[in-house]
Amino acid sequence: MKNKIKLKKGDEVIVIAGKDKGKRGKIVRVIPGLRKVIVTDINKYKKHQKPGNNEPGGIIEKDMPLHLSNVAFYDSSSNKGIRVGYIFNKDGKKMRINKKSGKEI
């Protein structure tokens, strides 16, 4: 059984490993099959693109995917990356929580 991806599109994350370690950004896209995420302005690469249908050619910058193990959910109150867990509240609704403090995200 695969582990569930606990990060969602729009979450603010911090990079914990790699060339962009320490940088923060928002998740633009989650790729569950590859267990990767694309984060804004993180892991940028230059791509040489040929001109196509109504598109100019040239060198463009592109955000490349990062593996999930290299990012952590960013908690603004503690100013660091945290682990995310799930609990069910009294109404039976599933909530995401900070595993260390137990507070709702």
C-alpha atoms as a PDB file:
ATOM      1  CA  MET A   1       0.000   0.000   0.000  1.00  0.00           C
ATOM      2  CA  LYS A   2       1.273   3.456  -0.896  1.00  0.00           C
ATOM      3  CA  ASN A   3       1.687   6.160   1.695  1.00  0.00           C
ATOM      4  CA  LYS A   4      -0.900   8.908   1.443  1.00  0.00           C
ATOM      5  CA  ILE A   5       0.279  12.300   0.222  1.00  0.00           C
ATOM      6  CA  LYS A   6      -0.524  14.747   2.999  1.00  0.00           C
ATOM      7  CA  LEU A   7       0.384  17.934   1.121  1.00  0.00           C
ATOM      8  CA  LYS A   8      -2.128  19.711  -1.109  1.00  0.00           C
ATOM      9  CA  LYS A   9      -2.092  22.286  -3.872  1.00  0.00           C
ATOM     10  CA  GLY A  10      -1.777  25.741  -2.325  1.00  0.00           C
ATOM     11  CA  ASP A  11       0.116  24.622   0.814  1.00  0.00           C
ATOM     12  CA  GLU A  12       3.195  26.624   1.761  1.00  0.00           C
ATOM     13  CA  VAL A  13       6.218  24.335   2.032  1.00  0.00           C
ATOM     14  CA  ILE A  14       9.902  24.674   2.905  1.00  0.00           C
ATOM     15  CA  VAL A  15      12.639  22.768   1.073  1.00  0.00           C
ATOM     16  CA  ILE A  16      14.635  20.592   3.502  1.00  0.00           C
ATOM     17  CA  ALA A  17      17.171  19.068   1.088  1.00  0.00           C
ATOM     18  CA  GLY A  18      18.845  19.909  -2.198  1.00  0.00           C
ATOM     19  CA  LYS A  19      20.198  23.025  -3.885  1.00  0.00           C
ATOM     20  CA  ASP A  20      17.257  25.198  -2.773  1.00  0.00           C
ATOM     21  CA  LYS A  21      17.386  24.122   0.897  1.00  0.00           C
ATOM     22  CA  GLY A  22      15.710  26.649   3.193  1.00  0.00           C
ATOM     23  CA  LYS A  23      13.602  28.318   0.496  1.00  0.00           C
ATOM     24  CA  ARG A  24       9.819  28.526   0.801  1.00  0.00           C
ATOM     25  CA  GLY A  25       7.057  28.483  -1.796  1.00  0.00           C
ATOM     26  CA  LYS A  26       3.511  27.379  -2.559  1.00  0.00           C
ATOM     27  CA  ILE A  27       2.644  24.067  -4.181  1.00  0.00           C
ATOM     28  CA  VAL A  28       1.350  24.571  -7.731  1.00  0.00           C
ATOM     29  CA  ARG A  29       0.812  20.924  -8.637  1.00  0.00           C
ATOM     30  CA  VAL A  30       0.990  17.515  -6.947  1.00  0.00           C
ATOM     31  CA  ILE A  31       2.013  14.466  -9.013  1.00  0.00           C
ATOM     32  CA  PRO A  32       0.863  11.502  -6.871  1.00  0.00           C
ATOM     33  CA  GLY A  33       2.051   8.737  -9.212  1.00  0.00           C
ATOM     34  CA  LEU A  34       5.657   9.943  -9.010  1.00  0.00           C
ATOM     35  CA  ARG A  35       5.319  11.272  -5.416  1.00  0.00           C
ATOM     36  CA  LYS A  36       6.521  14.705  -6.558  1.00  0.00           C
ATOM     37  CA  VAL A  37       5.365  18.305  -6.234  1.00  0.00           C
ATOM     38  CA  ILE A  38       5.993  21.457  -8.241  1.00  0.00           C
ATOM     39  CA  VAL A  39       6.646  24.514  -6.064  1.00  0.00           C
ATOM     40  CA  THR A  40       6.670  28.137  -7.274  1.00  0.00           C
ATOM     41  CA  ASP A  41      10.158  29.611  -7.859  1.00  0.00           C
ATOM     42  CA  ILE A  42      11.910  26.493  -6.520  1.00  0.00           C
ATOM     43  CA  ASN A  43      14.057  24.062  -8.556  1.00  0.00           C
ATOM     44  CA  LYS A  44      14.077  26.286 -11.653  1.00  0.00           C
ATOM     45  CA  TYR A  45      15.820  25.097 -14.803  1.00  0.00           C
ATOM     46  CA  LYS A  46      16.476  26.803 -18.130  1.00  0.00           C
ATOM     47  CA  LYS A  47      15.013  25.158 -21.225  1.00  0.00           C
ATOM     48  CA  HIS A  48      15.956  26.013 -24.795  1.00  0.00           C
ATOM     49  CA  GLN A  49      12.665  26.145 -26.679  1.00  0.00           C
ATOM     50  CA  LYS A  50      12.121  26.201 -30.418  1.00  0.00           C
ATOM     51  CA  PRO A  51       9.546  28.605 -31.801  1.00  0.00           C
ATOM     52  CA  GLY A  52       6.191  26.904 -32.368  1.00  0.00           C
ATOM     53  CA  ASN A  53       2.616  27.831 -33.172  1.00  0.00           C
ATOM     54  CA  ASN A  54       2.362  31.483 -32.092  1.00  0.00           C
ATOM     55  CA  GLU A  55       5.041  30.909 -29.433  1.00  0.00           C
ATOM     56  CA  PRO A  56       8.425  32.603 -29.538  1.00  0.00           C
ATOM     57  CA  GLY A  57      11.578  30.575 -29.201  1.00  0.00           C
ATOM     58  CA  GLY A  58      14.352  31.241 -26.730  1.00  0.00           C
ATOM     59  CA  ILE A  59      15.517  30.274 -23.270  1.00  0.00           C
ATOM     60  CA  ILE A  60      12.673  29.917 -20.791  1.00  0.00           C
ATOM     61  CA  GLU A  61      12.808  29.144 -17.076  1.00  0.00           C
ATOM     62  CA  LYS A  62      10.727  26.210 -15.923  1.00  0.00           C
ATOM     63  CA  ASP A  63       9.823  24.923 -12.433  1.00  0.00           C
ATOM     64  CA  MET A  64      10.780  21.253 -12.172  1.00  0.00           C
ATOM     65  CA  PRO A  65       9.277  18.699  -9.763  1.00  0.00           C
ATOM     66  CA  LEU A  66      10.733  17.987  -6.322  1.00  0.00           C
ATOM     67  CA  HIS A  67      10.345  14.699  -4.472  1.00  0.00           C
ATOM     68  CA  LEU A  68       7.954  14.806  -1.501  1.00  0.00           C
ATOM     69  CA  SER A  69      10.705  13.725   0.890  1.00  0.00           C
ATOM     70  CA  ASN A  70      12.598  16.952   0.144  1.00  0.00           C
ATOM     71  CA  VAL A  71       9.805  19.312   1.231  1.00  0.00           C
ATOM     72  CA  ALA A  72       7.961  19.848   4.516  1.00  0.00           C
ATOM     73  CA  PHE A  73       4.797  21.760   5.361  1.00  0.00           C
ATOM     74  CA  TYR A  74       5.784  25.245   6.611  1.00  0.00           C
ATOM     75  CA  ASP A  75       4.245  26.383   9.887  1.00  0.00           C
ATOM     76  CA  SER A  76       4.374  30.189  10.133  1.00  0.00           C
ATOM     77  CA  SER A  77       3.812  30.214  13.907  1.00  0.00           C
ATOM     78  CA  SER A  78       6.911  28.094  14.632  1.00  0.00           C
ATOM     79  CA  ASN A  79       8.874  29.282  11.543  1.00  0.00           C
ATOM     80  CA  LYS A  80       9.948  25.791  10.504  1.00  0.00           C
ATOM     81  CA  GLY A  81       8.863  22.667   8.658  1.00  0.00           C
ATOM     82  CA  ILE A  82       6.453  20.303  10.380  1.00  0.00           C
ATOM     83  CA  ARG A  83       4.969  16.861   9.841  1.00  0.00           C
ATOM     84  CA  VAL A  84       1.281  16.601   9.005  1.00  0.00           C
ATOM     85  CA  GLY A  85      -1.147  14.072  10.458  1.00  0.00           C
ATOM     86  CA  TYR A  86      -4.884  13.421  10.417  1.00  0.00           C
ATOM     87  CA  ILE A  87      -7.506  13.100  13.141  1.00  0.00           C
ATOM     88  CA  PHE A  88     -11.292  12.959  13.124  1.00  0.00           C
ATOM     89  CA  ASN A  89     -13.186  15.627  15.092  1.00  0.00           C
ATOM     90  CA  LYS A  90     -16.398  15.047  17.042  1.00  0.00           C
ATOM     91  CA  ASP A  91     -18.534  15.487  13.920  1.00  0.00           C
ATOM     92  CA  GLY A  92     -16.568  12.738  12.148  1.00  0.00           C
ATOM     93  CA  LYS A  93     -14.854  15.229   9.841  1.00  0.00           C
ATOM     94  CA  LYS A  94     -11.217  14.583   8.925  1.00  0.00           C
ATOM     95  CA  MET A  95      -8.769  17.372   9.860  1.00  0.00           C
ATOM     96  CA  ARG A  96      -5.090  17.945   9.193  1.00  0.00           C
ATOM     97  CA  ILE A  97      -2.991  18.619  12.291  1.00  0.00           C
ATOM     98  CA  ASN A  98       0.552  19.517  13.278  1.00  0.00           C
ATOM     99  CA  LYS A  99       1.969  16.238  14.644  1.00  0.00           C
ATOM    100  CA  LYS A 100       4.188  17.933  17.236  1.00  0.00           C
ATOM    101  CA  SER A 101       1.748  20.418  18.772  1.00  0.00           C
ATOM    102  CA  GLY A 102      -1.564  18.763  17.840  1.00  0.00           C
ATOM    103  CA  LYS A 103      -2.985  22.055  16.516  1.00  0.00           C
ATOM    104  CA  GLU A 104      -5.246  22.135  13.462  1.00  0.00           C
ATOM    105  CA  ILE A 105      -3.754  23.365  10.198  1.00  0.00           C
END
